[in-house]
Amino acid sequence: HAGGVEAALQAVLKAQQARFNAACVGRTLPVLFEKPGRREGQIVGRSPYLQAVHASADEGLIGRIAAVEIASCDPNSLGGTIVDAAIKQAPAPAMEGALVR
């Protein structure tokens, strides 16, 4: 019985995620690019909602935030086109526990 409840919850979550991702199509989101993508000339980053976003761009954008117009959605990611690559550089991560003397 517990497996059925878990499966039902997973189905609801997947449906909500699909609706949310579909609602992003046509919007422009700031994306922090993290790494090269699976395809040649593609990079992958995260939206403010932590969705994976892939776009065709130079790897020089890795570590930077760029405006991306979302054109497509898949079950686990969004795809788009960079419309402004000059938003800003991502802040350097804080060094927890580091003491400055």
N, C-alpha and C. Protein backbone atom coordinates (compact mmCIF):
# COMPACT_ATOMS: atom_id res chain seq x y z
N HIS A 1 0.82 -1.20 0.00
CA HIS A 1 0.00 0.00 0.00
C HIS A 1 0.87 1.26 0.00
N ALA A 2 1.96 1.25 0.78
CA ALA A 2 2.82 2.44 0.85
C ALA A 2 3.43 2.75 -0.51
N GLY A 3 3.76 1.72 -1.28
CA GLY A 3 4.31 1.94 -2.63
C GLY A 3 3.32 2.64 -3.53
N GLY A 4 2.04 2.35 -3.37
CA GLY A 4 1.01 3.01 -4.17
C GLY A 4 0.87 4.48 -3.83
N VAL A 5 0.99 4.79 -2.55
CA VAL A 5 0.91 6.19 -2.11
C VAL A 5 2.13 6.96 -2.64
N GLU A 6 3.29 6.34 -2.54
CA GLU A 6 4.51 6.99 -3.03
C GLU A 6 4.41 7.22 -4.54
N ALA A 7 3.93 6.25 -5.28
CA ALA A 7 3.79 6.39 -6.72
C ALA A 7 2.79 7.49 -7.07
N ALA A 8 1.71 7.58 -6.31
CA ALA A 8 0.71 8.63 -6.56
C ALA A 8 1.30 10.01 -6.28
N LEU A 9 2.08 10.14 -5.20
CA LEU A 9 2.73 11.42 -4.90
C LEU A 9 3.74 11.79 -5.97
N GLN A 10 4.51 10.82 -6.44
CA GLN A 10 5.47 11.09 -7.50
C GLN A 10 4.77 11.55 -8.77
N ALA A 11 3.63 10.96 -9.08
CA ALA A 11 2.87 11.36 -10.27
C ALA A 11 2.38 12.81 -10.14
N VAL A 12 1.91 13.18 -8.95
CA VAL A 12 1.45 14.55 -8.72
C VAL A 12 2.62 15.52 -8.86
N LEU A 13 3.76 15.18 -8.27
CA LEU A 13 4.94 16.04 -8.36
C LEU A 13 5.41 16.21 -9.80
N LYS A 14 5.43 15.12 -10.56
CA LYS A 14 5.85 15.20 -11.97
C LYS A 14 4.91 16.09 -12.77
N ALA A 15 3.61 15.97 -12.52
CA ALA A 15 2.64 16.79 -13.22
C ALA A 15 2.82 18.27 -12.87
N GLN A 16 3.06 18.56 -11.60
CA GLN A 16 3.28 19.95 -11.18
C GLN A 16 4.56 20.50 -11.81
N GLN A 17 5.62 19.70 -11.83
CA GLN A 17 6.88 20.11 -12.43
C GLN A 17 6.70 20.38 -13.92
N ALA A 18 5.98 19.52 -14.61
CA ALA A 18 5.75 19.70 -16.05
C ALA A 18 4.97 21.00 -16.31
N ARG A 19 3.96 21.29 -15.51
CA ARG A 19 3.20 22.53 -15.67
C ARG A 19 4.07 23.75 -15.39
N PHE A 20 4.88 23.68 -14.34
CA PHE A 20 5.74 24.80 -14.00
C PHE A 20 6.76 25.04 -15.10
N ASN A 21 7.40 23.97 -15.59
CA ASN A 21 8.38 24.11 -16.67
C ASN A 21 7.73 24.68 -17.93
N ALA A 22 6.54 24.20 -18.27
CA ALA A 22 5.83 24.69 -19.46
C ALA A 22 5.50 26.17 -19.31
N ALA A 23 5.19 26.62 -18.10
CA ALA A 23 4.87 28.03 -17.86
C ALA A 23 6.09 28.93 -18.03
N CYS A 24 7.28 28.36 -18.00
CA CYS A 24 8.51 29.15 -18.19
C CYS A 24 8.80 29.43 -19.66
N VAL A 25 8.22 28.65 -20.56
CA VAL A 25 8.46 28.85 -22.00
C VAL A 25 7.95 30.23 -22.40
N GLY A 26 8.82 30.98 -23.09
CA GLY A 26 8.48 32.33 -23.50
C GLY A 26 8.97 33.39 -22.53
N ARG A 27 9.36 33.00 -21.34
CA ARG A 27 9.88 33.95 -20.36
C ARG A 27 11.39 34.09 -20.51
N THR A 28 11.93 35.17 -20.01
CA THR A 28 13.37 35.37 -19.97
C THR A 28 13.80 35.27 -18.52
N LEU A 29 14.74 34.37 -18.25
CA LEU A 29 15.20 34.10 -16.89
C LEU A 29 16.70 34.32 -16.77
N PRO A 30 17.17 34.80 -15.63
CA PRO A 30 18.62 34.83 -15.40
C PRO A 30 19.09 33.40 -15.11
N VAL A 31 20.17 33.01 -15.75
CA VAL A 31 20.69 31.66 -15.58
C VAL A 31 22.16 31.74 -15.19
N LEU A 32 22.52 31.05 -14.13
CA LEU A 32 23.92 30.92 -13.72
C LEU A 32 24.48 29.68 -14.41
N PHE A 33 25.40 29.90 -15.36
CA PHE A 33 25.95 28.78 -16.10
C PHE A 33 27.06 28.10 -15.31
N GLU A 34 26.99 26.75 -15.27
CA GLU A 34 27.86 25.95 -14.40
C GLU A 34 28.89 25.10 -15.11
N LYS A 35 28.53 24.57 -16.30
CA LYS A 35 29.41 23.58 -16.93
C LYS A 35 29.07 23.41 -18.41
N PRO A 36 29.96 22.75 -19.14
CA PRO A 36 29.65 22.43 -20.54
C PRO A 36 28.47 21.46 -20.59
N GLY A 37 27.70 21.54 -21.67
CA GLY A 37 26.58 20.63 -21.84
C GLY A 37 26.99 19.33 -22.50
N ARG A 38 26.03 18.49 -22.75
CA ARG A 38 26.29 17.19 -23.38
C ARG A 38 26.64 17.33 -24.86
N ARG A 39 26.09 18.38 -25.48
CA ARG A 39 26.32 18.58 -26.92
C ARG A 39 27.42 19.61 -27.15
N GLU A 40 28.08 19.49 -28.28
CA GLU A 40 29.11 20.45 -28.69
C GLU A 40 28.53 21.86 -28.71
N GLY A 41 29.22 22.82 -28.10
CA GLY A 41 28.79 24.21 -28.13
C GLY A 41 27.65 24.54 -27.17
N GLN A 42 27.35 23.62 -26.28
CA GLN A 42 26.23 23.81 -25.35
C GLN A 42 26.79 23.97 -23.93
N ILE A 43 26.16 24.88 -23.16
CA ILE A 43 26.49 25.01 -21.75
C ILE A 43 25.21 24.85 -20.94
N VAL A 44 25.38 24.48 -19.66
CA VAL A 44 24.24 24.20 -18.79
C VAL A 44 24.37 25.02 -17.52
N GLY A 45 23.24 25.52 -17.06
CA GLY A 45 23.22 26.28 -15.82
C GLY A 45 21.92 26.06 -15.08
N ARG A 46 21.66 26.92 -14.11
CA ARG A 46 20.46 26.81 -13.27
C ARG A 46 19.69 28.12 -13.28
N SER A 47 18.37 27.98 -13.34
CA SER A 47 17.48 29.13 -13.24
C SER A 47 17.35 29.52 -11.76
N PRO A 48 16.69 30.63 -11.45
CA PRO A 48 16.47 30.97 -10.04
C PRO A 48 15.63 29.93 -9.31
N TYR A 49 14.91 29.09 -10.08
CA TYR A 49 14.07 28.04 -9.49
C TYR A 49 14.80 26.70 -9.47
N LEU A 50 16.10 26.72 -9.76
CA LEU A 50 17.00 25.56 -9.76
C LEU A 50 16.72 24.55 -10.86
N GLN A 51 16.02 24.98 -11.91
CA GLN A 51 15.83 24.11 -13.06
C GLN A 51 17.11 24.11 -13.89
N ALA A 52 17.47 22.96 -14.45
CA ALA A 52 18.59 22.92 -15.38
C ALA A 52 18.16 23.63 -16.66
N VAL A 53 19.05 24.48 -17.19
CA VAL A 53 18.78 25.22 -18.42
C VAL A 53 19.98 25.03 -19.33
N HIS A 54 19.72 24.62 -20.59
CA HIS A 54 20.82 24.48 -21.54
C HIS A 54 20.63 25.48 -22.68
N ALA A 55 21.78 25.97 -23.18
CA ALA A 55 21.77 26.94 -24.28
C ALA A 55 23.06 26.78 -25.07
N SER A 56 23.02 27.17 -26.32
CA SER A 56 24.22 27.18 -27.14
C SER A 56 24.98 28.45 -26.85
N ALA A 57 26.21 28.31 -26.38
CA ALA A 57 27.02 29.47 -26.04
C ALA A 57 28.46 29.03 -25.80
N ASP A 58 29.33 30.02 -25.78
CA ASP A 58 30.74 29.80 -25.51
C ASP A 58 30.94 29.44 -24.03
N GLU A 59 31.89 28.57 -23.77
CA GLU A 59 32.17 28.16 -22.38
C GLU A 59 32.68 29.31 -21.53
N GLY A 60 33.00 30.45 -22.14
CA GLY A 60 33.42 31.62 -21.38
C GLY A 60 32.32 32.16 -20.48
N LEU A 61 31.07 31.74 -20.72
CA LEU A 61 29.96 32.16 -19.87
C LEU A 61 29.83 31.33 -18.60
N ILE A 62 30.60 30.25 -18.49
CA ILE A 62 30.54 29.43 -17.28
C ILE A 62 31.01 30.27 -16.10
N GLY A 63 30.23 30.25 -15.03
CA GLY A 63 30.52 31.07 -13.86
C GLY A 63 29.88 32.45 -13.93
N ARG A 64 29.13 32.69 -14.99
CA ARG A 64 28.47 33.97 -15.17
C ARG A 64 26.96 33.79 -15.24
N ILE A 65 26.24 34.88 -15.03
CA ILE A 65 24.79 34.87 -15.13
C ILE A 65 24.41 35.57 -16.43
N ALA A 66 23.55 34.94 -17.21
CA ALA A 66 23.10 35.53 -18.47
C ALA A 66 21.58 35.40 -18.57
N ALA A 67 20.96 36.34 -19.28
CA ALA A 67 19.52 36.29 -19.52
C ALA A 67 19.26 35.30 -20.64
N VAL A 68 18.35 34.37 -20.40
CA VAL A 68 18.03 33.33 -21.37
C VAL A 68 16.53 33.34 -21.64
N GLU A 69 16.17 33.44 -22.92
CA GLU A 69 14.76 33.31 -23.29
C GLU A 69 14.46 31.83 -23.43
N ILE A 70 13.55 31.34 -22.62
CA ILE A 70 13.24 29.91 -22.59
C ILE A 70 12.35 29.57 -23.78
N ALA A 71 12.80 28.60 -24.57
CA ALA A 71 12.09 28.23 -25.80
C ALA A 71 11.48 26.84 -25.75
N SER A 72 11.97 25.99 -24.84
CA SER A 72 11.46 24.61 -24.78
C SER A 72 11.59 24.07 -23.37
N CYS A 73 10.82 23.03 -23.10
CA CYS A 73 10.94 22.36 -21.81
C CYS A 73 10.88 20.86 -22.03
N ASP A 74 11.68 20.18 -21.26
CA ASP A 74 11.71 18.72 -21.22
C ASP A 74 11.33 18.34 -19.79
N PRO A 75 11.17 17.06 -19.51
CA PRO A 75 10.79 16.68 -18.14
C PRO A 75 11.77 17.17 -17.07
N ASN A 76 13.06 17.24 -17.40
CA ASN A 76 14.05 17.60 -16.38
C ASN A 76 14.86 18.84 -16.68
N SER A 77 14.54 19.56 -17.75
CA SER A 77 15.34 20.74 -18.08
C SER A 77 14.57 21.69 -18.98
N LEU A 78 15.14 22.89 -19.13
CA LEU A 78 14.63 23.90 -20.03
C LEU A 78 15.70 24.18 -21.07
N GLY A 79 15.28 24.61 -22.25
CA GLY A 79 16.22 24.99 -23.30
C GLY A 79 15.92 26.40 -23.73
N GLY A 80 16.96 27.16 -24.06
CA GLY A 80 16.71 28.52 -24.46
C GLY A 80 17.85 29.14 -25.23
N THR A 81 17.66 30.44 -25.50
CA THR A 81 18.61 31.23 -26.25
C THR A 81 19.08 32.40 -25.38
N ILE A 82 20.36 32.63 -25.36
CA ILE A 82 20.90 33.73 -24.58
C ILE A 82 20.52 35.04 -25.26
N VAL A 83 19.89 35.93 -24.51
CA VAL A 83 19.50 37.23 -25.06
C VAL A 83 20.35 38.36 -24.49
N ASP A 84 21.00 38.14 -23.35
CA ASP A 84 21.91 39.13 -22.78
C ASP A 84 22.97 38.39 -21.98
N ALA A 85 24.17 38.35 -22.54
CA ALA A 85 25.25 37.60 -21.89
C ALA A 85 26.02 38.45 -20.90
N ALA A 86 25.65 39.71 -20.75
CA ALA A 86 26.44 40.62 -19.94
C ALA A 86 25.75 41.02 -18.64
N ILE A 87 24.98 40.11 -18.06
CA ILE A 87 24.28 40.48 -16.82
C ILE A 87 25.28 40.72 -15.71
N LYS A 88 25.99 39.71 -15.27
CA LYS A 88 27.01 39.90 -14.24
C LYS A 88 27.73 38.60 -13.96
N GLN A 89 28.84 38.74 -13.29
CA GLN A 89 29.58 37.56 -12.86
C GLN A 89 28.98 37.08 -11.56
N ALA A 90 28.91 35.79 -11.40
CA ALA A 90 28.39 35.22 -10.15
C ALA A 90 29.34 35.57 -9.01
N PRO A 91 28.79 35.80 -7.82
CA PRO A 91 29.66 36.11 -6.68
C PRO A 91 30.51 34.90 -6.31
N ALA A 92 31.70 35.18 -5.81
CA ALA A 92 32.56 34.09 -5.35
C ALA A 92 31.92 33.45 -4.13
N PRO A 93 32.04 32.14 -4.00
CA PRO A 93 31.45 31.48 -2.83
C PRO A 93 32.13 31.93 -1.54
N ALA A 94 31.33 32.04 -0.50
CA ALA A 94 31.88 32.42 0.81
C ALA A 94 32.69 31.25 1.36
N MET A 95 33.71 31.56 2.05
CA MET A 95 34.54 30.52 2.68
C MET A 95 34.11 30.40 4.12
N GLU A 96 33.22 29.45 4.37
CA GLU A 96 32.71 29.25 5.72
C GLU A 96 33.82 28.87 6.67
N GLY A 97 33.78 29.50 7.80
CA GLY A 97 34.76 29.14 8.84
C GLY A 97 36.13 29.77 8.62
N ALA A 98 36.32 30.48 7.51
CA ALA A 98 37.63 31.10 7.27
C ALA A 98 37.76 32.34 8.14
N LEU A 99 38.90 32.48 8.74
CA LEU A 99 39.16 33.64 9.59
C LEU A 99 40.14 34.55 8.88
N VAL A 100 39.83 35.82 8.88
CA VAL A 100 40.73 36.81 8.32
C VAL A 100 41.41 37.50 9.48
N ARG A 101 42.72 37.50 9.49
CA ARG A 101 43.46 38.13 10.60
C ARG A 101 44.28 39.27 10.09
